[in-house]
Amino acid sequence: MIDLRSDTFTRPTKEMRRAMAEAEVGDDVWGEDPTVRELEEETAALLGKEAALYVTSGHMANQLGLWVATRSGEEVWAHENHHLIGDEQGAAVVLSRILPRLYSGDPFPAQELLDGWITGLGDVHRADPALLWLENTFSGRVVPLAEQRRVIDFAHAHGLRAHLDGARLWNAAAHLEVEPAVVAEGFDSVSVCFSKGLGAPVGSAVAGDADTIRRARRGRKLLGGGMRQAGIIAAGALYALRHHRERMVEDHVRAARLAELLNELSGLDAVARTNMVLVATPEGAAVRYVEAFAAQGVLATGGGDRIRMVLSLEVTDSDVEDAAKAVARAVTEL
């Protein structure tokens, strides 16, 4: 099977396993795991932040970014399709008890929308806005840095904080050919993932200034996320951070090639966005197509009229060619 469901399905390489087996460890709850500390310091430096905190998942990193920036009953402005809204079981409302205010369309709010939403700030009848939320990449799409800067500047001018869900920030940086700190610039907090495009087996991080991360560390313990000899898994993330960032552009090239091949097939309309290929199908047919692909040896995800395929560490050039041939067989039989 050629697995294109997500870049989370990668397995650690032999070199990564060796690094994990040989990792120096200590009790991370006590701040005494040297490998975790090394990972956090290196992550913070790459993102241009004062500090970072290693956590088990992107879900936890995002929730901690939210928790330290808001108080119960405050508004958080986000896109209706951000992971915060649709993929974290409503944790934002359950844990931080915030009020989401959602926009649609582009993965960044238009200036007219922001100007309208900020009107009446301080009105006793409405919730106070506390946080503006962005995501980069967004379904594989790179959010322009100019749009990020505009939104951040607006947030800070009106007393709001800004958080970036950067689970695939590494892909955005590779696509833009800039350092990760450029993509993270200006945000009060940033979450990044080690187990997606980088290919590590476990973990994410949230980064920000020293006080933000001090409070996030307490929040992690509150949520039961304190870890002991976590250096064993942190070593995998550290290896990936040092050795897999430069190769991520290969996934983007392969995604572009796969989209090119799929566009030659009748009934499919494919577009490549960084390491993802999004395929439009006839309305309501995506699940049927995904099942047909699987029968031919290609795993993907889909619903409605869209299929998603994700390129990652274990997908080779020959896999791309073979996947396109398998999809062609599937389409012929539908």
C-alpha atoms as a PDB file:
ATOM      1  CA  MET A   1       0.000   0.000   0.000  1.00  0.00           C
ATOM      2  CA  ILE A   2       1.099   3.565  -0.746  1.00  0.00           C
ATOM      3  CA  ASP A   3      -0.095   5.548   2.259  1.00  0.00           C
ATOM      4  CA  LEU A   4      -1.020   9.139   1.422  1.00  0.00           C
ATOM      5  CA  ARG A   5      -3.523   9.670   4.233  1.00  0.00           C
ATOM      6  CA  SER A   6      -1.280  11.996   6.244  1.00  0.00           C
ATOM      7  CA  ASP A   7       2.326  12.865   7.007  1.00  0.00           C
ATOM      8  CA  THR A   8       1.671  11.540  10.530  1.00  0.00           C
ATOM      9  CA  PHE A   9       2.000   7.945   9.337  1.00  0.00           C
ATOM     10  CA  THR A  10       5.777   8.075   8.893  1.00  0.00           C
ATOM     11  CA  ARG A  11       7.932   5.799  11.016  1.00  0.00           C
ATOM     12  CA  PRO A  12      11.254   6.774  12.600  1.00  0.00           C
ATOM     13  CA  THR A  13      14.318   6.114  10.478  1.00  0.00           C
ATOM     14  CA  LYS A  14      17.134   3.877  11.666  1.00  0.00           C
ATOM     15  CA  GLU A  15      19.213   6.938  12.488  1.00  0.00           C
ATOM     16  CA  MET A  16      16.355   8.438  14.473  1.00  0.00           C
ATOM     17  CA  ARG A  17      15.846   5.201  16.391  1.00  0.00           C
ATOM     18  CA  ARG A  18      19.537   5.147  17.239  1.00  0.00           C
ATOM     19  CA  ALA A  19      19.369   8.714  18.538  1.00  0.00           C
ATOM     20  CA  MET A  20      16.373   7.774  20.688  1.00  0.00           C
ATOM     21  CA  ALA A  21      18.067   4.656  22.058  1.00  0.00           C
ATOM     22  CA  GLU A  22      21.169   6.619  23.036  1.00  0.00           C
ATOM     23  CA  ALA A  23      19.386   9.706  24.411  1.00  0.00           C
ATOM     24  CA  GLU A  24      20.490  11.141  27.718  1.00  0.00           C
ATOM     25  CA  VAL A  25      17.432  11.440  29.949  1.00  0.00           C
ATOM     26  CA  GLY A  26      16.183  12.797  33.267  1.00  0.00           C
ATOM     27  CA  ASP A  27      12.899  13.770  34.925  1.00  0.00           C
ATOM     28  CA  ASP A  28      11.360  16.432  32.716  1.00  0.00           C
ATOM     29  CA  VAL A  29       8.710  17.438  35.276  1.00  0.00           C
ATOM     30  CA  TRP A  30      11.641  18.535  37.422  1.00  0.00           C
ATOM     31  CA  GLY A  31      13.256  20.188  34.402  1.00  0.00           C
ATOM     32  CA  GLU A  32      16.083  17.688  34.480  1.00  0.00           C
ATOM     33  CA  ASP A  33      15.875  15.958  31.101  1.00  0.00           C
ATOM     34  CA  PRO A  34      18.821  17.316  29.095  1.00  0.00           C
ATOM     35  CA  THR A  35      17.549  16.083  25.718  1.00  0.00           C
ATOM     36  CA  VAL A  36      14.173  17.756  26.216  1.00  0.00           C
ATOM     37  CA  ARG A  37      15.896  20.975  27.265  1.00  0.00           C
ATOM     38  CA  GLU A  38      18.109  20.815  24.162  1.00  0.00           C
ATOM     39  CA  LEU A  39      15.090  20.298  21.907  1.00  0.00           C
ATOM     40  CA  GLU A  40      13.226  23.198  23.517  1.00  0.00           C
ATOM     41  CA  GLU A  41      16.174  25.569  23.257  1.00  0.00           C
ATOM     42  CA  GLU A  42      16.849  24.671  19.632  1.00  0.00           C
ATOM     43  CA  THR A  43      13.182  24.997  18.697  1.00  0.00           C
ATOM     44  CA  ALA A  44      12.916  28.405  20.370  1.00  0.00           C
ATOM     45  CA  ALA A  45      16.037  29.623  18.570  1.00  0.00           C
ATOM     46  CA  LEU A  46      14.772  28.440  15.174  1.00  0.00           C
ATOM     47  CA  LEU A  47      11.469  30.247  15.752  1.00  0.00           C
ATOM     48  CA  GLY A  48      13.082  33.431  17.061  1.00  0.00           C
ATOM     49  CA  LYS A  49      11.401  33.091  20.465  1.00  0.00           C
ATOM     50  CA  GLU A  50      12.746  33.238  24.011  1.00  0.00           C
ATOM     51  CA  ALA A  51      11.567  29.804  25.067  1.00  0.00           C
ATOM     52  CA  ALA A  52       9.686  26.684  23.991  1.00  0.00           C
ATOM     53  CA  LEU A  53       7.888  23.811  25.695  1.00  0.00           C
ATOM     54  CA  TYR A  54       7.849  20.209  24.453  1.00  0.00           C
ATOM     55  CA  VAL A  55       4.393  18.615  24.583  1.00  0.00           C
ATOM     56  CA  THR A  56       2.862  15.364  23.429  1.00  0.00           C
ATOM     57  CA  SER A  57       0.707  16.717  20.586  1.00  0.00           C
ATOM     58  CA  GLY A  58      -0.217  19.677  18.427  1.00  0.00           C
ATOM     59  CA  HIS A  59      -3.603  19.612  20.125  1.00  0.00           C
ATOM     60  CA  MET A  60      -1.961  20.277  23.499  1.00  0.00           C
ATOM     61  CA  ALA A  61       0.368  22.926  22.054  1.00  0.00           C
ATOM     62  CA  ASN A  62      -2.594  24.812  20.599  1.00  0.00           C
ATOM     63  CA  GLN A  63      -4.684  24.520  23.747  1.00  0.00           C
ATOM     64  CA  LEU A  64      -1.817  25.829  25.857  1.00  0.00           C
ATOM     65  CA  GLY A  65      -1.329  28.755  23.472  1.00  0.00           C
ATOM     66  CA  LEU A  66      -5.011  29.512  23.946  1.00  0.00           C
ATOM     67  CA  TRP A  67      -5.045  28.930  27.699  1.00  0.00           C
ATOM     68  CA  VAL A  68      -2.216  31.355  28.472  1.00  0.00           C
ATOM     69  CA  ALA A  69      -3.674  34.122  26.271  1.00  0.00           C
ATOM     70  CA  THR A  70      -7.315  34.234  27.355  1.00  0.00           C
ATOM     71  CA  ARG A  71      -9.673  34.356  30.294  1.00  0.00           C
ATOM     72  CA  SER A  72     -13.032  32.638  30.553  1.00  0.00           C
ATOM     73  CA  GLY A  73     -15.664  34.311  28.393  1.00  0.00           C
ATOM     74  CA  GLU A  74     -13.313  36.186  26.073  1.00  0.00           C
ATOM     75  CA  GLU A  75     -13.479  36.016  22.279  1.00  0.00           C
ATOM     76  CA  VAL A  76     -11.005  34.230  20.027  1.00  0.00           C
ATOM     77  CA  TRP A  77     -11.133  35.121  16.330  1.00  0.00           C
ATOM     78  CA  ALA A  78     -10.409  32.201  14.022  1.00  0.00           C
ATOM     79  CA  HIS A  79     -11.292  30.631  10.682  1.00  0.00           C
ATOM     80  CA  GLU A  80     -14.182  28.177  10.735  1.00  0.00           C
ATOM     81  CA  ASN A  81     -11.868  25.451   9.394  1.00  0.00           C
ATOM     82  CA  HIS A  82      -8.919  25.994  11.721  1.00  0.00           C
ATOM     83  CA  HIS A  83      -7.836  22.884  13.624  1.00  0.00           C
ATOM     84  CA  LEU A  84      -8.700  24.723  16.826  1.00  0.00           C
ATOM     85  CA  ILE A  85     -12.362  24.699  15.778  1.00  0.00           C
ATOM     86  CA  GLY A  86     -12.926  21.462  13.903  1.00  0.00           C
ATOM     87  CA  ASP A  87     -10.318  18.965  15.026  1.00  0.00           C
ATOM     88  CA  GLU A  88      -9.804  19.334  18.778  1.00  0.00           C
ATOM     89  CA  GLN A  89     -13.142  18.093  20.173  1.00  0.00           C
ATOM     90  CA  GLY A  90     -14.260  21.544  21.265  1.00  0.00           C
ATOM     91  CA  ALA A  91     -11.403  21.716  23.772  1.00  0.00           C
ATOM     92  CA  ALA A  92     -11.173  25.491  23.390  1.00  0.00           C
ATOM     93  CA  VAL A  93     -14.656  25.872  24.840  1.00  0.00           C
ATOM     94  CA  VAL A  94     -14.352  23.043  27.376  1.00  0.00           C
ATOM     95  CA  LEU A  95     -10.919  23.920  28.789  1.00  0.00           C
ATOM     96  CA  SER A  96     -10.505  27.669  28.289  1.00  0.00           C
ATOM     97  CA  ARG A  97     -14.225  28.496  28.101  1.00  0.00           C
ATOM     98  CA  ILE A  98     -13.751  31.051  25.341  1.00  0.00           C
ATOM     99  CA  LEU A  99     -16.216  32.317  22.751  1.00  0.00           C
ATOM    100  CA  PRO A 100     -15.081  31.558  19.178  1.00  0.00           C
ATOM    101  CA  ARG A 101     -15.858  34.206  16.564  1.00  0.00           C
ATOM    102  CA  LEU A 102     -15.424  32.675  13.132  1.00  0.00           C
ATOM    103  CA  TYR A 103     -14.852  33.868   9.592  1.00  0.00           C
ATOM    104  CA  SER A 104     -14.830  31.897   6.329  1.00  0.00           C
ATOM    105  CA  GLY A 105     -13.182  32.142   2.922  1.00  0.00           C
ATOM    106  CA  ASP A 106      -9.491  33.036   2.831  1.00  0.00           C
ATOM    107  CA  PRO A 107      -7.355  31.607   5.652  1.00  0.00           C
ATOM    108  CA  PHE A 108      -6.792  35.115   7.009  1.00  0.00           C
ATOM    109  CA  PRO A 109      -9.408  37.701   7.968  1.00  0.00           C
ATOM    110  CA  ALA A 110     -10.060  40.603   5.590  1.00  0.00           C
ATOM    111  CA  GLN A 111      -9.302  44.055   6.936  1.00  0.00           C
ATOM    112  CA  GLU A 112     -12.946  45.106   6.543  1.00  0.00           C
ATOM    113  CA  LEU A 113     -14.009  42.202   8.736  1.00  0.00           C
ATOM    114  CA  LEU A 114     -11.477  43.075  11.438  1.00  0.00           C
ATOM    115  CA  ASP A 115     -12.498  46.730  11.399  1.00  0.00           C
ATOM    116  CA  GLY A 116     -16.130  45.717  11.787  1.00  0.00           C
ATOM    117  CA  TRP A 117     -15.503  43.218  14.579  1.00  0.00           C
ATOM    118  CA  ILE A 118     -13.429  45.630  16.642  1.00  0.00           C
ATOM    119  CA  THR A 119     -16.180  48.268  16.571  1.00  0.00           C
ATOM    120  CA  GLY A 120     -17.750  48.660  19.989  1.00  0.00           C
ATOM    121  CA  LEU A 121     -14.725  47.378  21.874  1.00  0.00           C
ATOM    122  CA  GLY A 122     -15.443  47.756  25.574  1.00  0.00           C
ATOM    123  CA  ASP A 123     -19.218  47.487  25.189  1.00  0.00           C
ATOM    124  CA  VAL A 124     -20.507  45.925  28.407  1.00  0.00           C
ATOM    125  CA  HIS A 125     -22.940  43.774  26.398  1.00  0.00           C
ATOM    126  CA  ARG A 126     -20.337  41.845  24.437  1.00  0.00           C
ATOM    127  CA  ALA A 127     -17.398  39.587  25.170  1.00  0.00           C
ATOM    128  CA  ASP A 128     -13.974  41.196  25.033  1.00  0.00           C
ATOM    129  CA  PRO A 129     -11.787  39.906  22.183  1.00  0.00           C
ATOM    130  CA  ALA A 130      -8.496  38.507  23.443  1.00  0.00           C
ATOM    131  CA  LEU A 131      -6.776  36.529  20.687  1.00  0.00           C
ATOM    132  CA  LEU A 132      -6.414  36.395  16.908  1.00  0.00           C
ATOM    133  CA  TRP A 133      -5.642  32.920  15.548  1.00  0.00           C
ATOM    134  CA  LEU A 134      -3.901  32.034  12.264  1.00  0.00           C
ATOM    135  CA  GLU A 135      -2.736  28.752  10.756  1.00  0.00           C
ATOM    136  CA  ASN A 136       0.213  28.349   8.370  1.00  0.00           C
ATOM    137  CA  THR A 137       0.128  26.211   6.317  1.00  0.00           C
ATOM    138  CA  PHE A 138      -3.659  26.009   5.971  1.00  0.00           C
ATOM    139  CA  SER A 139      -4.724  22.792   4.191  1.00  0.00           C
ATOM    140  CA  GLY A 140      -1.321  22.938   2.578  1.00  0.00           C
ATOM    141  CA  ARG A 141      -1.726  26.557   1.482  1.00  0.00           C
ATOM    142  CA  VAL A 142       0.985  28.986   2.535  1.00  0.00           C
ATOM    143  CA  VAL A 143      -0.470  32.118   4.109  1.00  0.00           C
ATOM    144  CA  PRO A 144       1.369  35.178   2.714  1.00  0.00           C
ATOM    145  CA  LEU A 145       3.693  36.753   5.253  1.00  0.00           C
ATOM    146  CA  ALA A 146       2.319  40.194   4.425  1.00  0.00           C
ATOM    147  CA  GLU A 147      -1.160  39.048   5.464  1.00  0.00           C
ATOM    148  CA  GLN A 148       0.213  37.585   8.674  1.00  0.00           C
ATOM    149  CA  ARG A 149       1.951  40.855   9.491  1.00  0.00           C
ATOM    150  CA  ARG A 150      -1.203  42.866   8.796  1.00  0.00           C
ATOM    151  CA  VAL A 151      -3.271  40.695  11.137  1.00  0.00           C
ATOM    152  CA  ILE A 152      -0.605  40.690  13.871  1.00  0.00           C
ATOM    153  CA  ASP A 153      -0.233  44.460  13.700  1.00  0.00           C
ATOM    154  CA  PHE A 154      -3.995  44.883  13.949  1.00  0.00           C
ATOM    155  CA  ALA A 155      -4.185  42.547  16.948  1.00  0.00           C
ATOM    156  CA  HIS A 156      -1.438  44.321  18.843  1.00  0.00           C
ATOM    157  CA  ALA A 157      -2.793  47.775  18.002  1.00  0.00           C
ATOM    158  CA  HIS A 158      -6.078  46.812  19.675  1.00  0.00           C
ATOM    159  CA  GLY A 159      -4.710  44.946  22.682  1.00  0.00           C
ATOM    160  CA  LEU A 160      -5.181  41.401  21.357  1.00  0.00           C
ATOM    161  CA  ARG A 161      -2.549  38.673  21.285  1.00  0.00           C
ATOM    162  CA  ALA A 162      -1.802  36.626  18.165  1.00  0.00           C
ATOM    163  CA  HIS A 163      -1.202  32.877  17.981  1.00  0.00           C
ATOM    164  CA  LEU A 164       0.034  30.840  15.016  1.00  0.00           C
ATOM    165  CA  ASP A 165      -0.919  27.203  14.632  1.00  0.00           C
ATOM    166  CA  GLY A 166       2.271  26.278  12.821  1.00  0.00           C
ATOM    167  CA  ALA A 167       1.905  22.509  12.798  1.00  0.00           C
ATOM    168  CA  ARG A 168       3.314  22.641   9.264  1.00  0.00           C
ATOM    169  CA  LEU A 169       5.250  25.888   9.663  1.00  0.00           C
ATOM    170  CA  TRP A 170       8.331  23.957   8.546  1.00  0.00           C
ATOM    171  CA  ASN A 171       6.634  23.351   5.175  1.00  0.00           C
ATOM    172  CA  ALA A 172       5.735  27.030   4.864  1.00  0.00           C
ATOM    173  CA  ALA A 173       9.338  28.043   5.545  1.00  0.00           C
ATOM    174  CA  ALA A 174      10.656  25.513   3.024  1.00  0.00           C
ATOM    175  CA  HIS A 175       8.209  26.735   0.382  1.00  0.00           C
ATOM    176  CA  LEU A 176       9.066  30.399   0.976  1.00  0.00           C
ATOM    177  CA  GLU A 177      12.799  29.635   1.249  1.00  0.00           C
ATOM    178  CA  VAL A 178      13.060  31.542   4.524  1.00  0.00           C
ATOM    179  CA  GLU A 179      14.106  30.645   8.042  1.00  0.00           C
ATOM    180  CA  PRO A 180      11.321  29.393  10.344  1.00  0.00           C
ATOM    181  CA  ALA A 181      11.697  32.519  12.492  1.00  0.00           C
ATOM    182  CA  VAL A 182      10.495  34.615   9.561  1.00  0.00           C
ATOM    183  CA  VAL A 183       7.193  32.706   9.437  1.00  0.00           C
ATOM    184  CA  ALA A 184       6.839  32.917  13.238  1.00  0.00           C
ATOM    185  CA  GLU A 185       7.797  36.590  13.484  1.00  0.00           C
ATOM    186  CA  GLY A 186       5.500  38.803  15.539  1.00  0.00           C
ATOM    187  CA  PHE A 187       3.299  36.097  17.018  1.00  0.00           C
ATOM    188  CA  ASP A 188       2.979  35.992  20.791  1.00  0.00           C
ATOM    189  CA  SER A 189       2.865  32.209  20.691  1.00  0.00           C
ATOM    190  CA  VAL A 190       3.489  29.589  18.014  1.00  0.00           C
ATOM    191  CA  SER A 191       2.829  25.859  17.944  1.00  0.00           C
ATOM    192  CA  VAL A 192       4.906  23.536  15.758  1.00  0.00           C
ATOM    193  CA  CYS A 193       4.725  19.804  15.128  1.00  0.00           C
ATOM    194  CA  PHE A 194       7.592  17.333  14.951  1.00  0.00           C
ATOM    195  CA  SER A 195       5.489  14.304  13.944  1.00  0.00           C
ATOM    196  CA  LYS A 196       4.074  15.581  10.657  1.00  0.00           C
ATOM    197  CA  GLY A 197       6.388  16.605   7.825  1.00  0.00           C
ATOM    198  CA  LEU A 198       9.516  16.201   9.943  1.00  0.00           C
ATOM    199  CA  GLY A 199       8.729  12.543  10.540  1.00  0.00           C
ATOM    200  CA  ALA A 200       9.380  12.228  14.282  1.00  0.00           C
ATOM    201  CA  PRO A 201       7.245   9.692  16.156  1.00  0.00           C
ATOM    202  CA  VAL A 202       5.916  11.934  18.945  1.00  0.00           C
ATOM    203  CA  GLY A 203       5.479  15.533  19.907  1.00  0.00           C
ATOM    204  CA  SER A 204       4.968  19.204  19.275  1.00  0.00           C
ATOM    205  CA  ALA A 205       6.100  22.425  20.916  1.00  0.00           C
ATOM    206  CA  VAL A 206       4.666  25.790  21.823  1.00  0.00           C
ATOM    207  CA  ALA A 207       7.030  28.757  21.761  1.00  0.00           C
ATOM    208  CA  GLY A 208       6.866  32.357  22.931  1.00  0.00           C
ATOM    209  CA  ASP A 209       8.406  34.718  25.446  1.00  0.00           C
ATOM    210  CA  ALA A 210       9.741  33.376  28.726  1.00  0.00           C
ATOM    211  CA  ASP A 211       6.671  34.271  30.786  1.00  0.00           C
ATOM    212  CA  THR A 212       4.269  32.746  28.239  1.00  0.00           C
ATOM    213  CA  ILE A 213       6.186  29.469  28.325  1.00  0.00           C
ATOM    214  CA  ARG A 214       6.470  29.545  32.129  1.00  0.00           C
ATOM    215  CA  ARG A 215       2.683  29.674  32.316  1.00  0.00           C
ATOM    216  CA  ALA A 216       2.328  27.100  29.534  1.00  0.00           C
ATOM    217  CA  ARG A 217       4.542  24.725  31.512  1.00  0.00           C
ATOM    218  CA  ARG A 218       2.183  25.025  34.471  1.00  0.00           C
ATOM    219  CA  GLY A 219      -0.753  24.480  32.117  1.00  0.00           C
ATOM    220  CA  ARG A 220       0.851  21.350  30.704  1.00  0.00           C
ATOM    221  CA  LYS A 221       1.111  19.915  34.218  1.00  0.00           C
ATOM    222  CA  LEU A 222      -2.492  20.936  34.937  1.00  0.00           C
ATOM    223  CA  LEU A 223      -3.630  18.944  31.885  1.00  0.00           C
ATOM    224  CA  GLY A 224      -1.653  15.893  32.981  1.00  0.00           C
ATOM    225  CA  GLY A 225       0.969  16.432  30.299  1.00  0.00           C
ATOM    226  CA  GLY A 226       4.046  16.376  32.501  1.00  0.00           C
ATOM    227  CA  MET A 227       6.506  13.747  31.292  1.00  0.00           C
ATOM    228  CA  ARG A 228       9.343  11.973  33.050  1.00  0.00           C
ATOM    229  CA  GLN A 229      12.240  10.559  31.007  1.00  0.00           C
ATOM    230  CA  ALA A 230      10.869  12.170  27.875  1.00  0.00           C
ATOM    231  CA  GLY A 231      14.290  12.557  26.295  1.00  0.00           C
ATOM    232  CA  ILE A 232      13.759   9.196  24.594  1.00  0.00           C
ATOM    233  CA  ILE A 233      11.020  10.642  22.393  1.00  0.00           C
ATOM    234  CA  ALA A 234      12.455  14.174  22.353  1.00  0.00           C
ATOM    235  CA  ALA A 235      15.598  12.741  20.770  1.00  0.00           C
ATOM    236  CA  GLY A 236      13.535  11.652  17.775  1.00  0.00           C
ATOM    237  CA  ALA A 237      12.103  15.138  17.422  1.00  0.00           C
ATOM    238  CA  LEU A 238      15.546  16.704  17.811  1.00  0.00           C
ATOM    239  CA  TYR A 239      17.003  14.416  15.144  1.00  0.00           C
ATOM    240  CA  ALA A 240      14.161  15.295  12.774  1.00  0.00           C
ATOM    241  CA  LEU A 241      14.592  19.008  13.441  1.00  0.00           C
ATOM    242  CA  ARG A 242      18.281  18.818  12.581  1.00  0.00           C
ATOM    243  CA  HIS A 243      18.171  16.411   9.645  1.00  0.00           C
ATOM    244  CA  HIS A 244      14.742  16.494   7.974  1.00  0.00           C
ATOM    245  CA  ARG A 245      13.913  20.172   7.500  1.00  0.00           C
ATOM    246  CA  GLU A 246      16.093  20.603   4.423  1.00  0.00           C
ATOM    247  CA  ARG A 247      14.518  17.638   2.633  1.00  0.00           C
ATOM    248  CA  MET A 248      10.912  18.813   3.047  1.00  0.00           C
ATOM    249  CA  VAL A 249      10.984  20.575  -0.298  1.00  0.00           C
ATOM    250  CA  GLU A 250      11.258  17.098  -1.853  1.00  0.00           C
ATOM    251  CA  ASP A 251       7.733  16.391  -0.604  1.00  0.00           C
ATOM    252  CA  HIS A 252       6.537  19.582  -2.288  1.00  0.00           C
ATOM    253  CA  VAL A 253       8.126  18.569  -5.589  1.00  0.00           C
ATOM    254  CA  ARG A 254       6.540  15.122  -5.406  1.00  0.00           C
ATOM    255  CA  ALA A 255       3.153  16.637  -4.564  1.00  0.00           C
ATOM    256  CA  ALA A 256       3.397  18.834  -7.661  1.00  0.00           C
ATOM    257  CA  ARG A 257       4.281  15.805  -9.785  1.00  0.00           C
ATOM    258  CA  LEU A 258       1.390  13.759  -8.401  1.00  0.00           C
ATOM    259  CA  ALA A 259      -1.072  16.584  -9.088  1.00  0.00           C
ATOM    260  CA  GLU A 260       0.261  16.844 -12.638  1.00  0.00           C
ATOM    261  CA  LEU A 261      -0.317  13.140 -13.247  1.00  0.00           C
ATOM    262  CA  LEU A 262      -3.783  13.131 -11.674  1.00  0.00           C
ATOM    263  CA  ASN A 263      -4.880  16.067 -13.803  1.00  0.00           C
ATOM    264  CA  GLU A 264      -4.359  13.889 -16.853  1.00  0.00           C
ATOM    265  CA  LEU A 265      -7.186  11.628 -15.658  1.00  0.00           C
ATOM    266  CA  SER A 266     -10.820  12.146 -16.548  1.00  0.00           C
ATOM    267  CA  GLY A 267     -13.065  13.449 -13.780  1.00  0.00           C
ATOM    268  CA  LEU A 268     -10.306  14.604 -11.431  1.00  0.00           C
ATOM    269  CA  ASP A 269      -9.109  18.146 -10.725  1.00  0.00           C
ATOM    270  CA  ALA A 270      -5.966  18.190  -8.589  1.00  0.00           C
ATOM    271  CA  VAL A 271      -3.969  21.040  -7.077  1.00  0.00           C
ATOM    272  CA  ALA A 272      -0.691  20.765  -5.163  1.00  0.00           C
ATOM    273  CA  ARG A 273      -0.172  22.884  -2.059  1.00  0.00           C
ATOM    274  CA  THR A 274       3.223  22.328  -0.425  1.00  0.00           C
ATOM    275  CA  ASN A 275       3.172  18.635   0.590  1.00  0.00           C
ATOM    276  CA  MET A 276      -0.539  18.117  -0.068  1.00  0.00           C
ATOM    277  CA  VAL A 277      -2.556  17.281  -3.147  1.00  0.00           C
ATOM    278  CA  LEU A 278      -6.225  18.244  -3.010  1.00  0.00           C
ATOM    279  CA  VAL A 279      -8.393  16.468  -5.557  1.00  0.00           C
ATOM    280  CA  ALA A 280     -11.871  17.670  -6.511  1.00  0.00           C
ATOM    281  CA  THR A 281     -14.349  14.948  -7.471  1.00  0.00           C
ATOM    282  CA  PRO A 282     -17.988  15.030  -8.577  1.00  0.00           C
ATOM    283  CA  GLU A 283     -20.248  16.199  -5.748  1.00  0.00           C
ATOM    284  CA  GLY A 284     -20.602  13.566  -3.033  1.00  0.00           C
ATOM    285  CA  ALA A 285     -18.270  11.109  -4.754  1.00  0.00           C
ATOM    286  CA  ALA A 286     -15.089  11.521  -2.706  1.00  0.00           C
ATOM    287  CA  VAL A 287     -15.687   8.573  -0.360  1.00  0.00           C
ATOM    288  CA  ARG A 288     -16.451   6.294  -3.296  1.00  0.00           C
ATOM    289  CA  TYR A 289     -13.254   7.407  -5.012  1.00  0.00           C
ATOM    290  CA  VAL A 290     -11.189   6.883  -1.846  1.00  0.00           C
ATOM    291  CA  GLU A 291     -12.525   3.347  -1.520  1.00  0.00           C
ATOM    292  CA  ALA A 292     -11.678   2.652  -5.158  1.00  0.00           C
ATOM    293  CA  PHE A 293      -8.144   4.039  -4.676  1.00  0.00           C
ATOM    294  CA  ALA A 294      -7.647   1.776  -1.647  1.00  0.00           C
ATOM    295  CA  ALA A 295      -8.710  -1.257  -3.664  1.00  0.00           C
ATOM    296  CA  GLN A 296      -5.860  -0.426  -6.036  1.00  0.00           C
ATOM    297  CA  GLY A 297      -3.298   0.072  -3.267  1.00  0.00           C
ATOM    298  CA  VAL A 298      -3.421   3.820  -2.534  1.00  0.00           C
ATOM    299  CA  LEU A 299      -4.678   5.154   0.794  1.00  0.00           C
ATOM    300  CA  ALA A 300      -6.119   8.678   0.907  1.00  0.00           C
ATOM    301  CA  THR A 301      -8.750  10.580   2.882  1.00  0.00           C
ATOM    302  CA  GLY A 302     -11.812  12.372   1.584  1.00  0.00           C
ATOM    303  CA  GLY A 303     -15.391  13.461   1.988  1.00  0.00           C
ATOM    304  CA  GLY A 304     -17.991  15.380   0.013  1.00  0.00           C
ATOM    305  CA  ASP A 305     -16.258  16.402  -3.189  1.00  0.00           C
ATOM    306  CA  ARG A 306     -12.635  16.573  -2.025  1.00  0.00           C
ATOM    307  CA  ILE A 307      -9.840  14.061  -1.531  1.00  0.00           C
ATOM    308  CA  ARG A 308      -6.611  14.837   0.307  1.00  0.00           C
ATOM    309  CA  MET A 309      -3.280  13.141  -0.370  1.00  0.00           C
ATOM    310  CA  VAL A 310      -0.217  14.006   1.699  1.00  0.00           C
ATOM    311  CA  LEU A 311       3.390  13.448   0.675  1.00  0.00           C
ATOM    312  CA  SER A 312       5.908  12.680   3.396  1.00  0.00           C
ATOM    313  CA  LEU A 313       9.225  11.153   4.349  1.00  0.00           C
ATOM    314  CA  GLU A 314       8.495   7.588   3.243  1.00  0.00           C
ATOM    315  CA  VAL A 315       6.926   8.404  -0.149  1.00  0.00           C
ATOM    316  CA  THR A 316       9.432   8.084  -2.995  1.00  0.00           C
ATOM    317  CA  ASP A 317       9.474   9.253  -6.610  1.00  0.00           C
ATOM    318  CA  SER A 318       8.518   5.763  -7.751  1.00  0.00           C
ATOM    319  CA  ASP A 319       5.656   5.711  -5.235  1.00  0.00           C
ATOM    320  CA  VAL A 320       4.265   8.855  -6.856  1.00  0.00           C
ATOM    321  CA  GLU A 321       4.354   7.295 -10.301  1.00  0.00           C
ATOM    322  CA  ASP A 322       2.835   4.045  -9.033  1.00  0.00           C
ATOM    323  CA  ALA A 323       0.129   5.917  -7.099  1.00  0.00           C
ATOM    324  CA  ALA A 324      -0.916   7.810 -10.216  1.00  0.00           C
ATOM    325  CA  LYS A 325      -1.154   4.554 -12.185  1.00  0.00           C
ATOM    326  CA  ALA A 326      -3.226   2.966  -9.418  1.00  0.00           C
ATOM    327  CA  VAL A 327      -5.590   5.940  -9.319  1.00  0.00           C
ATOM    328  CA  ALA A 328      -5.926   5.732 -13.098  1.00  0.00           C
ATOM    329  CA  ARG A 329      -7.022   2.098 -12.781  1.00  0.00           C
ATOM    330  CA  ALA A 330      -9.481   3.024 -10.032  1.00  0.00           C
ATOM    331  CA  VAL A 331     -11.008   5.865 -12.050  1.00  0.00           C
ATOM    332  CA  THR A 332     -11.442   3.611 -15.041  1.00  0.00           C
ATOM    333  CA  GLU A 333     -13.426   1.111 -12.976  1.00  0.00           C
ATOM    334  CA  LEU A 334     -15.702   3.677 -11.301  1.00  0.00           C
END
